[in-house]
C-alpha atoms as a PDB file:
ATOM      1  CA  MET A   1     110.444  95.937  99.537  1.00  0.00           C
ATOM      2  CA  SER A   2     107.620  94.981 101.883  1.00  0.00           C
ATOM      3  CA  PHE A   3     105.107  92.129 101.955  1.00  0.00           C
ATOM      4  CA  LEU A   4     101.331  92.090 102.393  1.00  0.00           C
ATOM      5  CA  TRP A   5     101.441  88.468 103.633  1.00  0.00           C
ATOM      6  CA  PRO A   6     104.869  88.218 105.312  1.00  0.00           C
ATOM      7  CA  LEU A   7     104.006  84.983 107.100  1.00  0.00           C
ATOM      8  CA  ALA A   8     103.972  83.242 103.719  1.00  0.00           C
ATOM      9  CA  LEU A   9     107.751  83.684 103.623  1.00  0.00           C
ATOM     10  CA  VAL A  10     107.990  80.894 106.193  1.00  0.00           C
ATOM     11  CA  ALA A  11     107.485  78.503 103.259  1.00  0.00           C
ATOM     12  CA  LEU A  12     110.980  79.461 102.030  1.00  0.00           C
ATOM     13  CA  VAL A  13     112.334  76.985 104.583  1.00  0.00           C
ATOM     14  CA  LEU A  14     111.522  74.368 101.915  1.00  0.00           C
ATOM     15  CA  VAL A  15     114.322  75.714  99.713  1.00  0.00           C
ATOM     16  CA  PRO A  16     117.319  74.721 101.889  1.00  0.00           C
ATOM     17  CA  ILE A  17     115.585  71.403 102.665  1.00  0.00           C
ATOM     18  CA  LEU A  18     115.294  70.634  98.939  1.00  0.00           C
ATOM     19  CA  VAL A  19     118.922  71.677  98.368  1.00  0.00           C
ATOM     20  CA  VAL A  20     120.129  69.305 101.082  1.00  0.00           C
ATOM     21  CA  GLY A  21     117.912  66.527  99.682  1.00  0.00           C
ATOM     22  CA  TYR A  22     119.196  67.057  96.155  1.00  0.00           C
ATOM     23  CA  LEU A  23     122.847  67.026  97.263  1.00  0.00           C
ATOM     24  CA  TRP A  24     122.230  63.827  99.231  1.00  0.00           C
ATOM     25  CA  MET A  25     120.638  62.130  96.212  1.00  0.00           C
ATOM     26  CA  ALA A  26     123.462  63.282  93.937  1.00  0.00           C
ATOM     27  CA  ARG A  27     126.097  61.906  96.310  1.00  0.00           C
ATOM     28  CA  ARG A  28     124.182  58.641  96.686  1.00  0.00           C
ATOM     29  CA  SER A  29     123.793  58.219  92.925  1.00  0.00           C
ATOM     30  CA  ARG A  30     127.542  58.603  92.416  1.00  0.00           C
ATOM     31  CA  SER A  31     128.131  55.720  94.836  1.00  0.00           C
ATOM     32  CA  ILE A  32     125.844  53.351  92.894  1.00  0.00           C
ATOM     33  CA  SER A  33     127.189  51.369  89.962  1.00  0.00           C
ATOM     34  CA  PRO A  34     125.460  52.804  86.859  1.00  0.00           C
ATOM     35  CA  ASP A  35     125.651  49.533  84.897  1.00  0.00           C
ATOM     36  CA  ALA A  36     124.054  47.525  87.695  1.00  0.00           C
ATOM     37  CA  THR A  37     121.142  49.841  88.466  1.00  0.00           C
ATOM     38  CA  LEU A  38     120.382  52.597  85.991  1.00  0.00           C
ATOM     39  CA  GLY A  39     121.766  51.320  82.747  1.00  0.00           C
ATOM     40  CA  ALA A  40     124.638  52.439  80.565  1.00  0.00           C
ATOM     41  CA  GLY A  41     123.049  55.757  79.654  1.00  0.00           C
ATOM     42  CA  TYR A  42     123.375  57.003  83.204  1.00  0.00           C
ATOM     43  CA  GLY A  43     127.131  57.114  82.894  1.00  0.00           C
ATOM     44  CA  ASP A  44     126.814  59.610  80.021  1.00  0.00           C
ATOM     45  CA  VAL A  45     124.668  61.894  82.224  1.00  0.00           C
ATOM     46  CA  VAL A  46     127.259  61.773  84.997  1.00  0.00           C
ATOM     47  CA  ASN A  47     129.952  62.666  82.473  1.00  0.00           C
ATOM     48  CA  LEU A  48     128.143  65.948  81.799  1.00  0.00           C
ATOM     49  CA  GLY A  49     129.635  67.258  85.057  1.00  0.00           C
ATOM     50  CA  TRP A  50     128.184  70.499  86.431  1.00  0.00           C
ATOM     51  CA  LYS A  51     125.815  70.877  83.460  1.00  0.00           C
ATOM     52  CA  ARG A  52     123.542  68.182  84.812  1.00  0.00           C
ATOM     53  CA  HIS A  53     122.816  70.437  87.808  1.00  0.00           C
ATOM     54  CA  VAL A  54     121.608  73.408  85.741  1.00  0.00           C
ATOM     55  CA  SER A  55     118.050  72.201  85.247  1.00  0.00           C
ATOM     56  CA  PRO A  56     117.456  71.349  88.939  1.00  0.00           C
ATOM     57  CA  LEU A  57     118.957  74.717  89.893  1.00  0.00           C
ATOM     58  CA  LEU A  58     116.534  76.557  87.600  1.00  0.00           C
ATOM     59  CA  ILE A  59     113.620  74.602  89.060  1.00  0.00           C
ATOM     60  CA  LEU A  60     114.791  75.546  92.551  1.00  0.00           C
ATOM     61  CA  LEU A  61     114.973  79.222  91.589  1.00  0.00           C
ATOM     62  CA  ALA A  62     111.484  79.002  90.063  1.00  0.00           C
ATOM     63  CA  LEU A  63     110.148  77.524  93.294  1.00  0.00           C
ATOM     64  CA  THR A  64     111.802  80.296  95.301  1.00  0.00           C
ATOM     65  CA  SER A  65     110.242  82.926  93.055  1.00  0.00           C
ATOM     66  CA  MET A  66     106.812  81.349  93.454  1.00  0.00           C
ATOM     67  CA  LEU A  67     107.115  81.196  97.245  1.00  0.00           C
ATOM     68  CA  VAL A  68     108.156  84.843  97.448  1.00  0.00           C
ATOM     69  CA  GLY A  69     105.259  85.724  95.150  1.00  0.00           C
ATOM     70  CA  PHE A  70     102.810  84.043  97.541  1.00  0.00           C
ATOM     71  CA  SER A  71     103.789  86.649 100.178  1.00  0.00           C
ATOM     72  CA  ARG A  72     102.545  89.430  97.852  1.00  0.00           C
ATOM     73  CA  PRO A  73     105.686  91.586  97.715  1.00  0.00           C
ATOM     74  CA  GLN A  74     105.342  95.296  97.029  1.00  0.00           C
ATOM     75  CA  ALA A  75     107.790  98.099  96.378  1.00  0.00           C
ATOM     76  CA  THR A  76     107.673 101.877  96.324  1.00  0.00           C
ATOM     77  CA  ILE A  77     108.125 103.349  92.861  1.00  0.00           C
ATOM     78  CA  ASP A  78     108.212 106.928  91.591  1.00  0.00           C
ATOM     79  CA  VAL A  79     105.235 107.728  89.376  1.00  0.00           C
ATOM     80  CA  PRO A  80     105.352 110.963  87.339  1.00  0.00           C
ATOM     81  CA  GLU A  81     102.691 113.482  88.352  1.00  0.00           C
ATOM     82  CA  PHE A  82     100.810 115.144  85.506  1.00  0.00           C
ATOM     83  CA  ARG A  83      98.752 117.273  87.890  1.00  0.00           C
ATOM     84  CA  SER A  84      99.716 118.038  91.480  1.00  0.00           C
ATOM     85  CA  THR A  85      98.062 119.617  94.478  1.00  0.00           C
ATOM     86  CA  VAL A  86      99.765 121.475  97.285  1.00  0.00           C
ATOM     87  CA  VAL A  87      97.986 122.995 100.279  1.00  0.00           C
ATOM     88  CA  LEU A  88      99.847 125.800 102.025  1.00  0.00           C
ATOM     89  CA  VAL A  89      98.860 125.918 105.705  1.00  0.00           C
ATOM     90  CA  PHE A  90      99.888 129.066 107.577  1.00  0.00           C
ATOM     91  CA  ASP A  91     100.203 129.433 111.327  1.00  0.00           C
ATOM     92  CA  THR A  92      98.719 132.898 111.894  1.00  0.00           C
ATOM     93  CA  SER A  93      98.879 132.877 115.695  1.00  0.00           C
ATOM     94  CA  GLN A  94     100.215 135.846 117.637  1.00  0.00           C
ATOM     95  CA  SER A  95     103.596 134.188 118.114  1.00  0.00           C
ATOM     96  CA  MET A  96     104.165 134.482 114.354  1.00  0.00           C
ATOM     97  CA  VAL A  97     104.817 138.216 114.753  1.00  0.00           C
ATOM     98  CA  ALA A  98     108.157 137.374 116.413  1.00  0.00           C
ATOM     99  CA  ASP A  99     111.086 138.908 114.550  1.00  0.00           C
ATOM    100  CA  ASP A 100     113.741 136.210 115.020  1.00  0.00           C
ATOM    101  CA  VAL A 101     113.128 135.642 111.295  1.00  0.00           C
ATOM    102  CA  GLU A 102     113.062 138.980 109.505  1.00  0.00           C
ATOM    103  CA  PRO A 103     110.877 140.884 109.077  1.00  0.00           C
ATOM    104  CA  THR A 104     108.552 138.608 111.090  1.00  0.00           C
ATOM    105  CA  ARG A 105     107.903 134.890 111.008  1.00  0.00           C
ATOM    106  CA  LEU A 106     104.562 135.303 109.251  1.00  0.00           C
ATOM    107  CA  ASP A 107     105.835 137.838 106.733  1.00  0.00           C
ATOM    108  CA  ALA A 108     108.789 135.593 105.893  1.00  0.00           C
ATOM    109  CA  ALA A 109     106.427 132.636 105.391  1.00  0.00           C
ATOM    110  CA  LYS A 110     104.172 134.718 103.133  1.00  0.00           C
ATOM    111  CA  ALA A 111     107.151 135.879 101.046  1.00  0.00           C
ATOM    112  CA  ALA A 112     108.415 132.302 100.644  1.00  0.00           C
ATOM    113  CA  ALA A 113     104.954 131.014  99.722  1.00  0.00           C
ATOM    114  CA  THR A 114     104.484 133.806  97.196  1.00  0.00           C
ATOM    115  CA  ALA A 115     107.781 132.937  95.495  1.00  0.00           C
ATOM    116  CA  PHE A 116     106.798 129.269  95.464  1.00  0.00           C
ATOM    117  CA  VAL A 117     103.388 129.927  93.901  1.00  0.00           C
ATOM    118  CA  GLU A 118     104.804 132.238  91.238  1.00  0.00           C
ATOM    119  CA  ALA A 119     107.283 129.549  90.184  1.00  0.00           C
ATOM    120  CA  GLN A 120     104.595 126.904  89.544  1.00  0.00           C
ATOM    121  CA  ASP A 121     102.961 126.194  86.217  1.00  0.00           C
ATOM    122  CA  ASP A 122      99.273 125.551  85.633  1.00  0.00           C
ATOM    123  CA  SER A 123      99.622 121.837  86.392  1.00  0.00           C
ATOM    124  CA  VAL A 124      99.957 122.627  90.124  1.00  0.00           C
ATOM    125  CA  GLU A 125      96.831 123.569  92.030  1.00  0.00           C
ATOM    126  CA  VAL A 126      97.418 125.478  95.270  1.00  0.00           C
ATOM    127  CA  GLY A 127      95.103 125.758  98.269  1.00  0.00           C
ATOM    128  CA  ILE A 128      95.472 128.175 101.179  1.00  0.00           C
ATOM    129  CA  VAL A 129      94.629 127.456 104.828  1.00  0.00           C
ATOM    130  CA  SER A 130      95.238 129.601 107.909  1.00  0.00           C
ATOM    131  CA  PHE A 131      95.025 128.587 111.548  1.00  0.00           C
ATOM    132  CA  GLY A 132      95.342 130.018 115.005  1.00  0.00           C
ATOM    133  CA  SER A 133      93.130 128.608 117.722  1.00  0.00           C
ATOM    134  CA  THR A 134      90.925 127.306 114.885  1.00  0.00           C
ATOM    135  CA  GLY A 135      91.595 126.515 111.244  1.00  0.00           C
ATOM    136  CA  ALA A 136      89.940 127.930 108.162  1.00  0.00           C
ATOM    137  CA  ALA A 137      90.220 127.128 104.463  1.00  0.00           C
ATOM    138  CA  THR A 138      90.873 130.451 102.742  1.00  0.00           C
ATOM    139  CA  LEU A 139      91.000 128.993  99.237  1.00  0.00           C
ATOM    140  CA  ARG A 140      90.382 125.502  97.904  1.00  0.00           C
ATOM    141  CA  PRO A 141      93.062 124.142  95.519  1.00  0.00           C
ATOM    142  CA  SER A 142      93.070 126.313  92.408  1.00  0.00           C
ATOM    143  CA  ASP A 143      95.271 127.117  89.418  1.00  0.00           C
ATOM    144  CA  ASP A 144      94.120 130.762  89.577  1.00  0.00           C
ATOM    145  CA  ARG A 145      97.426 132.360  90.596  1.00  0.00           C
ATOM    146  CA  THR A 146      95.835 135.760  91.197  1.00  0.00           C
ATOM    147  CA  ALA A 147      93.367 134.317  93.706  1.00  0.00           C
ATOM    148  CA  VAL A 148      96.088 132.262  95.422  1.00  0.00           C
ATOM    149  CA  LEU A 149      98.454 135.210  95.827  1.00  0.00           C
ATOM    150  CA  ALA A 150      95.620 137.433  97.080  1.00  0.00           C
ATOM    151  CA  SER A 151      94.732 134.835  99.719  1.00  0.00           C
ATOM    152  CA  ILE A 152      98.317 134.754 100.946  1.00  0.00           C
ATOM    153  CA  ASP A 153      98.551 138.525 101.049  1.00  0.00           C
ATOM    154  CA  ARG A 154      95.416 138.824 103.227  1.00  0.00           C
ATOM    155  CA  LEU A 155      96.784 136.632 106.057  1.00  0.00           C
ATOM    156  CA  GLU A 156      96.975 138.436 109.418  1.00  0.00           C
ATOM    157  CA  PRO A 157      98.122 137.205 112.862  1.00  0.00           C
ATOM    158  CA  ALA A 158      95.519 136.481 115.564  1.00  0.00           C
ATOM    159  CA  GLY A 159      94.804 134.047 118.401  1.00  0.00           C
ATOM    160  CA  GLY A 160      96.616 131.028 119.791  1.00  0.00           C
ATOM    161  CA  THR A 161      98.029 127.978 118.029  1.00  0.00           C
ATOM    162  CA  SER A 162      96.429 124.605 117.309  1.00  0.00           C
ATOM    163  CA  LEU A 163      98.419 122.378 114.959  1.00  0.00           C
ATOM    164  CA  SER A 164      95.548 119.896 115.032  1.00  0.00           C
ATOM    165  CA  GLU A 165      93.062 122.505 113.806  1.00  0.00           C
ATOM    166  CA  GLY A 166      95.457 123.627 111.084  1.00  0.00           C
ATOM    167  CA  LEU A 167      96.038 120.094 109.807  1.00  0.00           C
ATOM    168  CA  PHE A 168      92.319 119.316 110.076  1.00  0.00           C
ATOM    169  CA  ALA A 169      91.486 122.340 107.931  1.00  0.00           C
ATOM    170  CA  GLY A 170      94.222 121.431 105.447  1.00  0.00           C
ATOM    171  CA  LEU A 171      92.943 117.881 105.010  1.00  0.00           C
ATOM    172  CA  SER A 172      89.292 119.003 104.937  1.00  0.00           C
ATOM    173  CA  THR A 173      90.132 121.324 102.044  1.00  0.00           C
ATOM    174  CA  ILE A 174      90.901 118.349  99.799  1.00  0.00           C
ATOM    175  CA  ALA A 175      88.642 115.671 101.322  1.00  0.00           C
ATOM    176  CA  LYS A 176      85.540 114.643  99.375  1.00  0.00           C
ATOM    177  CA  GLU A 177      83.632 114.015 102.606  1.00  0.00           C
ATOM    178  CA  PRO A 178      83.648 115.317 106.200  1.00  0.00           C
ATOM    179  CA  ILE A 179      86.455 114.117 108.473  1.00  0.00           C
ATOM    180  CA  LEU A 180      84.951 112.683 111.661  1.00  0.00           C
ATOM    181  CA  PHE A 181      86.467 112.073 115.099  1.00  0.00           C
ATOM    182  CA  LEU A 182      84.963 109.048 116.833  1.00  0.00           C
ATOM    183  CA  PRO A 183      86.432 108.071 120.231  1.00  0.00           C
ATOM    184  CA  ASP A 184      87.453 104.429 120.553  1.00  0.00           C
ATOM    185  CA  GLU A 185      86.848 102.206 123.594  1.00  0.00           C
ATOM    186  CA  ASN A 186      89.782 103.880 125.392  1.00  0.00           C
ATOM    187  CA  GLY A 187      88.480 107.364 124.713  1.00  0.00           C
ATOM    188  CA  GLN A 188      91.218 108.097 122.175  1.00  0.00           C
ATOM    189  CA  ALA A 189      90.510 109.911 118.930  1.00  0.00           C
ATOM    190  CA  ASN A 190      89.621 107.549 116.119  1.00  0.00           C
ATOM    191  CA  ILE A 191      89.174 108.768 112.542  1.00  0.00           C
ATOM    192  CA  PRO A 192      87.219 106.553 110.114  1.00  0.00           C
ATOM    193  CA  PRO A 193      88.566 106.192 106.546  1.00  0.00           C
ATOM    194  CA  VAL A 194      88.108 109.277 104.370  1.00  0.00           C
ATOM    195  CA  ASP A 195      87.790 109.493 100.588  1.00  0.00           C
ATOM    196  CA  PHE A 196      90.243 112.053  99.167  1.00  0.00           C
ATOM    197  CA  GLY A 197      89.491 111.175  95.547  1.00  0.00           C
ATOM    198  CA  GLY A 198      92.037 112.614  93.133  1.00  0.00           C
ATOM    199  CA  PHE A 199      93.819 114.462  95.949  1.00  0.00           C
ATOM    200  CA  GLY A 200      95.288 111.245  97.347  1.00  0.00           C
ATOM    201  CA  SER A 201      98.824 112.308  96.421  1.00  0.00           C
ATOM    202  CA  ALA A 202      98.659 115.916  97.603  1.00  0.00           C
ATOM    203  CA  ILE A 203     101.340 117.712  99.587  1.00  0.00           C
ATOM    204  CA  ILE A 204     100.579 119.798 102.655  1.00  0.00           C
ATOM    205  CA  VAL A 205     103.142 122.438 103.619  1.00  0.00           C
ATOM    206  CA  ILE A 206     102.725 123.830 107.137  1.00  0.00           C
ATOM    207  CA  PHE A 207     104.473 127.100 107.979  1.00  0.00           C
ATOM    208  CA  SER A 208     104.604 127.272 111.782  1.00  0.00           C
ATOM    209  CA  ASP A 209     106.806 127.861 114.802  1.00  0.00           C
ATOM    210  CA  GLY A 210     105.429 124.622 116.264  1.00  0.00           C
ATOM    211  CA  GLU A 211     104.279 126.186 119.536  1.00  0.00           C
ATOM    212  CA  ASP A 212     100.973 124.457 120.207  1.00  0.00           C
ATOM    213  CA  THR A 213      98.830 126.187 122.834  1.00  0.00           C
ATOM    214  CA  THR A 214      96.180 123.447 122.945  1.00  0.00           C
ATOM    215  CA  GLU A 215      96.112 119.837 124.114  1.00  0.00           C
ATOM    216  CA  GLN A 216      94.688 118.512 120.851  1.00  0.00           C
ATOM    217  CA  ASP A 217      96.910 115.804 119.367  1.00  0.00           C
ATOM    218  CA  PRO A 218      97.495 116.195 115.601  1.00  0.00           C
ATOM    219  CA  ALA A 219      99.029 112.696 115.332  1.00  0.00           C
ATOM    220  CA  PRO A 220      95.801 110.889 114.214  1.00  0.00           C
ATOM    221  CA  LEU A 221      95.381 113.431 111.410  1.00  0.00           C
ATOM    222  CA  ALA A 222      98.990 112.955 110.296  1.00  0.00           C
ATOM    223  CA  GLU A 223      98.413 109.199 110.194  1.00  0.00           C
ATOM    224  CA  LEU A 224      95.229 109.726 108.179  1.00  0.00           C
ATOM    225  CA  ALA A 225      97.281 111.728 105.689  1.00  0.00           C
ATOM    226  CA  SER A 226      99.909 108.988 105.513  1.00  0.00           C
ATOM    227  CA  THR A 227      97.277 106.295 104.915  1.00  0.00           C
ATOM    228  CA  ASN A 228      96.041 108.218 101.879  1.00  0.00           C
ATOM    229  CA  GLY A 229      99.477 109.012 100.442  1.00  0.00           C
ATOM    230  CA  ILE A 230      99.354 112.672 101.489  1.00  0.00           C
ATOM    231  CA  ARG A 231     102.769 113.934 102.586  1.00  0.00           C
ATOM    232  CA  ILE A 232     103.203 116.675 105.170  1.00  0.00           C
ATOM    233  CA  TYR A 233     106.127 119.089 104.904  1.00  0.00           C
ATOM    234  CA  PRO A 234     106.334 121.171 108.094  1.00  0.00           C
ATOM    235  CA  VAL A 235     108.508 124.283 107.792  1.00  0.00           C
ATOM    236  CA  GLY A 236     109.731 125.394 111.198  1.00  0.00           C
ATOM    237  CA  ILE A 237     109.860 129.187 111.199  1.00  0.00           C
ATOM    238  CA  GLY A 238     111.937 130.796 113.909  1.00  0.00           C
ATOM    239  CA  THR A 239     114.940 129.977 116.045  1.00  0.00           C
ATOM    240  CA  THR A 240     115.342 127.733 119.052  1.00  0.00           C
ATOM    241  CA  GLU A 241     116.637 130.761 120.963  1.00  0.00           C
ATOM    242  CA  GLY A 242     113.344 132.510 120.223  1.00  0.00           C
ATOM    243  CA  ALA A 243     112.273 136.107 120.603  1.00  0.00           C
ATOM    244  CA  VAL A 244     110.105 138.277 122.836  1.00  0.00           C
ATOM    245  CA  VAL A 245     106.706 139.210 121.437  1.00  0.00           C
ATOM    246  CA  GLU A 246     104.825 142.295 122.625  1.00  0.00           C
ATOM    247  CA  LEU A 247     101.064 141.755 122.706  1.00  0.00           C
ATOM    248  CA  GLU A 248      98.636 144.330 124.055  1.00  0.00           C
ATOM    249  CA  GLY A 249     101.056 145.555 126.693  1.00  0.00           C
ATOM    250  CA  PHE A 250     102.240 142.077 127.662  1.00  0.00           C
ATOM    251  CA  SER A 251     105.530 140.398 126.764  1.00  0.00           C
ATOM    252  CA  MET A 252     105.895 136.710 126.029  1.00  0.00           C
ATOM    253  CA  SER A 253     108.808 134.595 124.917  1.00  0.00           C
ATOM    254  CA  SER A 254     108.322 132.453 121.821  1.00  0.00           C
ATOM    255  CA  ALA A 255     110.750 129.871 120.434  1.00  0.00           C
ATOM    256  CA  LEU A 256     110.682 127.281 117.680  1.00  0.00           C
ATOM    257  CA  ASN A 257     109.361 123.878 118.770  1.00  0.00           C
ATOM    258  CA  GLU A 258     110.905 121.474 116.270  1.00  0.00           C
ATOM    259  CA  ALA A 259     109.788 118.242 117.959  1.00  0.00           C
ATOM    260  CA  SER A 260     106.081 118.683 117.211  1.00  0.00           C
ATOM    261  CA  LEU A 261     106.734 119.548 113.569  1.00  0.00           C
ATOM    262  CA  GLN A 262     109.242 116.716 113.081  1.00  0.00           C
ATOM    263  CA  ASP A 263     106.654 114.265 114.415  1.00  0.00           C
ATOM    264  CA  LEU A 264     104.123 115.352 111.780  1.00  0.00           C
ATOM    265  CA  ALA A 265     106.694 114.786 109.036  1.00  0.00           C
ATOM    266  CA  ASP A 266     107.705 111.373 110.390  1.00  0.00           C
ATOM    267  CA  ARG A 267     104.129 110.147 110.621  1.00  0.00           C
ATOM    268  CA  SER A 268     103.271 111.145 107.037  1.00  0.00           C
ATOM    269  CA  ASN A 269     106.476 110.213 105.150  1.00  0.00           C
ATOM    270  CA  GLY A 270     107.176 113.903 104.662  1.00  0.00           C
ATOM    271  CA  THR A 271     110.207 116.029 105.443  1.00  0.00           C
ATOM    272  CA  TYR A 272     110.780 118.623 108.137  1.00  0.00           C
ATOM    273  CA  PHE A 273     112.634 121.832 107.287  1.00  0.00           C
ATOM    274  CA  GLN A 274     113.875 124.648 109.476  1.00  0.00           C
ATOM    275  CA  ALA A 275     113.910 128.173 108.117  1.00  0.00           C
ATOM    276  CA  GLU A 276     115.795 130.957 109.884  1.00  0.00           C
ATOM    277  CA  THR A 277     116.511 133.109 106.840  1.00  0.00           C
ATOM    278  CA  LEU A 278     114.963 133.830 103.445  1.00  0.00           C
ATOM    279  CA  ASP A 279     117.784 131.823 101.841  1.00  0.00           C
ATOM    280  CA  ASP A 280     116.574 128.779 103.777  1.00  0.00           C
ATOM    281  CA  PHE A 281     113.109 129.246 102.282  1.00  0.00           C
ATOM    282  CA  ALA A 282     114.526 129.244  98.762  1.00  0.00           C
ATOM    283  CA  SER A 283     116.188 125.833  99.172  1.00  0.00           C
ATOM    284  CA  ILE A 284     113.085 124.420 100.889  1.00  0.00           C
ATOM    285  CA  THR A 285     110.731 125.414  98.073  1.00  0.00           C
ATOM    286  CA  ASP A 286     113.154 123.945  95.533  1.00  0.00           C
ATOM    287  CA  THR A 287     112.969 120.590  97.339  1.00  0.00           C
ATOM    288  CA  ILE A 288     109.172 120.676  97.461  1.00  0.00           C
ATOM    289  CA  GLU A 289     108.997 121.510  93.744  1.00  0.00           C
ATOM    290  CA  ARG A 290     111.066 118.421  92.902  1.00  0.00           C
ATOM    291  CA  ASP A 291     108.830 116.224  95.040  1.00  0.00           C
ATOM    292  CA  LEU A 292     105.772 117.559  93.227  1.00  0.00           C
ATOM    293  CA  GLU A 293     107.104 116.114  89.972  1.00  0.00           C
ATOM    294  CA  VAL A 294     106.839 112.508  91.149  1.00  0.00           C
ATOM    295  CA  ASN A 295     104.654 110.611  93.567  1.00  0.00           C
ATOM    296  CA  GLU A 296     105.740 107.529  95.480  1.00  0.00           C
ATOM    297  CA  GLU A 297     103.262 104.667  95.128  1.00  0.00           C
ATOM    298  CA  LEU A 298     103.253 101.126  96.439  1.00  0.00           C
ATOM    299  CA  PHE A 299     103.212  98.661  93.550  1.00  0.00           C
ATOM    300  CA  GLU A 300     102.507  94.955  94.069  1.00  0.00           C
ATOM    301  CA  LEU A 301     105.138  92.714  92.470  1.00  0.00           C
ATOM    302  CA  THR A 302     103.363  89.347  92.755  1.00  0.00           C
ATOM    303  CA  SER A 303     102.766  89.008  89.016  1.00  0.00           C
ATOM    304  CA  PHE A 304     106.433  89.656  88.241  1.00  0.00           C
ATOM    305  CA  PHE A 305     107.556  86.881  90.578  1.00  0.00           C
ATOM    306  CA  GLY A 306     104.963  84.561  88.999  1.00  0.00           C
ATOM    307  CA  ILE A 307     106.164  85.384  85.477  1.00  0.00           C
ATOM    308  CA  GLY A 308     109.749  84.915  86.609  1.00  0.00           C
ATOM    309  CA  ALA A 309     108.909  81.469  87.945  1.00  0.00           C
ATOM    310  CA  LEU A 310     107.281  80.438  84.652  1.00  0.00           C
ATOM    311  CA  VAL A 311     110.299  81.659  82.663  1.00  0.00           C
ATOM    312  CA  LEU A 312     112.675  79.733  84.911  1.00  0.00           C
ATOM    313  CA  LEU A 313     110.583  76.554  84.583  1.00  0.00           C
ATOM    314  CA  ALA A 314     110.599  76.910  80.792  1.00  0.00           C
ATOM    315  CA  LEU A 315     114.385  77.314  80.792  1.00  0.00           C
ATOM    316  CA  ALA A 316     114.708  74.276  83.073  1.00  0.00           C
ATOM    317  CA  ALA A 317     112.668  72.220  80.612  1.00  0.00           C
ATOM    318  CA  LEU A 318     114.794  73.357  77.654  1.00  0.00           C
ATOM    319  CA  VAL A 319     118.020  72.599  79.509  1.00  0.00           C
ATOM    320  CA  ALA A 320     116.697  69.163  80.526  1.00  0.00           C
ATOM    321  CA  MET A 321     115.782  68.369  76.903  1.00  0.00           C
ATOM    322  CA  ALA A 322     119.182  69.518  75.653  1.00  0.00           C
ATOM    323  CA  THR A 323     120.966  67.475  78.289  1.00  0.00           C
ATOM    324  CA  LYS A 324     118.938  64.374  77.504  1.00  0.00           C
ATOM    325  CA  GLY A 325     119.652  64.832  73.806  1.00  0.00           C
ATOM    326  CA  ARG A 326     123.373  64.651  74.451  1.00  0.00           C
ATOM    327  CA  THR A 327     122.976  61.236  76.117  1.00  0.00           C
ATOM    328  CA  LEU A 328     121.187  59.564  73.217  1.00  0.00           C
END
């Protein structure tokens, strides 16, 4: 549970102060002669024992509930999804032809994505994005399985790798307005709020080896996704040992960079997966399918604490009336 106004919790210091004050008054009242000060009826109240403390205790609990409510508590709850959106973002850079995942990294990603799409019903819309040095939306979210599968099948490796461009293209595919980069006073990338409309609970799955060949930082985009409830699920394709890739007569070594992909997941409340075999892909897609069934949403609990306080006050009044009735 979190709080929108956490500083309001400082008021809870009143609770122990009131408890100490009540105990002091109770001890003082026991030391005073009831006949000399409060009348004969007071002795009957004292004879009630612990029951005479029930009403004050309920009032104290009601006050505590009200004070917590003032801090505007909120909790994350699972809300069933009746229609879901998933954007599959494919790294199609030259390093994805490495064969440390058979037959190649890109082919393994395409096979896993195809199996995932075929397992979904019409309530899941799927979009396709590819990226190398730049990103491109191949297909906006659609429930046309034929079009989705055709888009996956057409993917071919080319160019370098820019995780920022891939994530930018993935988010732009579901955004209702252009995503802008405005530098702040320190020259750092600043992204104004973006309206994602009904895609505010989408999932973005990035298939990549994590080797970024640019200096563009994808972190602001991951934080934009998190702000709008969009979770990022990076799937690291490859091995940390890597493989040698032959490109136009040149050889280069390529290995999985998990750190960059893990960071994207951490910043967007998603989950990072590593896939070295086709069996790994099967378990990963199963996990994503389960997460598509529910969406985590922050729900403010202030009204519940207010209702709880009113109920406790009503019970305190009833107990006080019952206790007084026994002294008549």
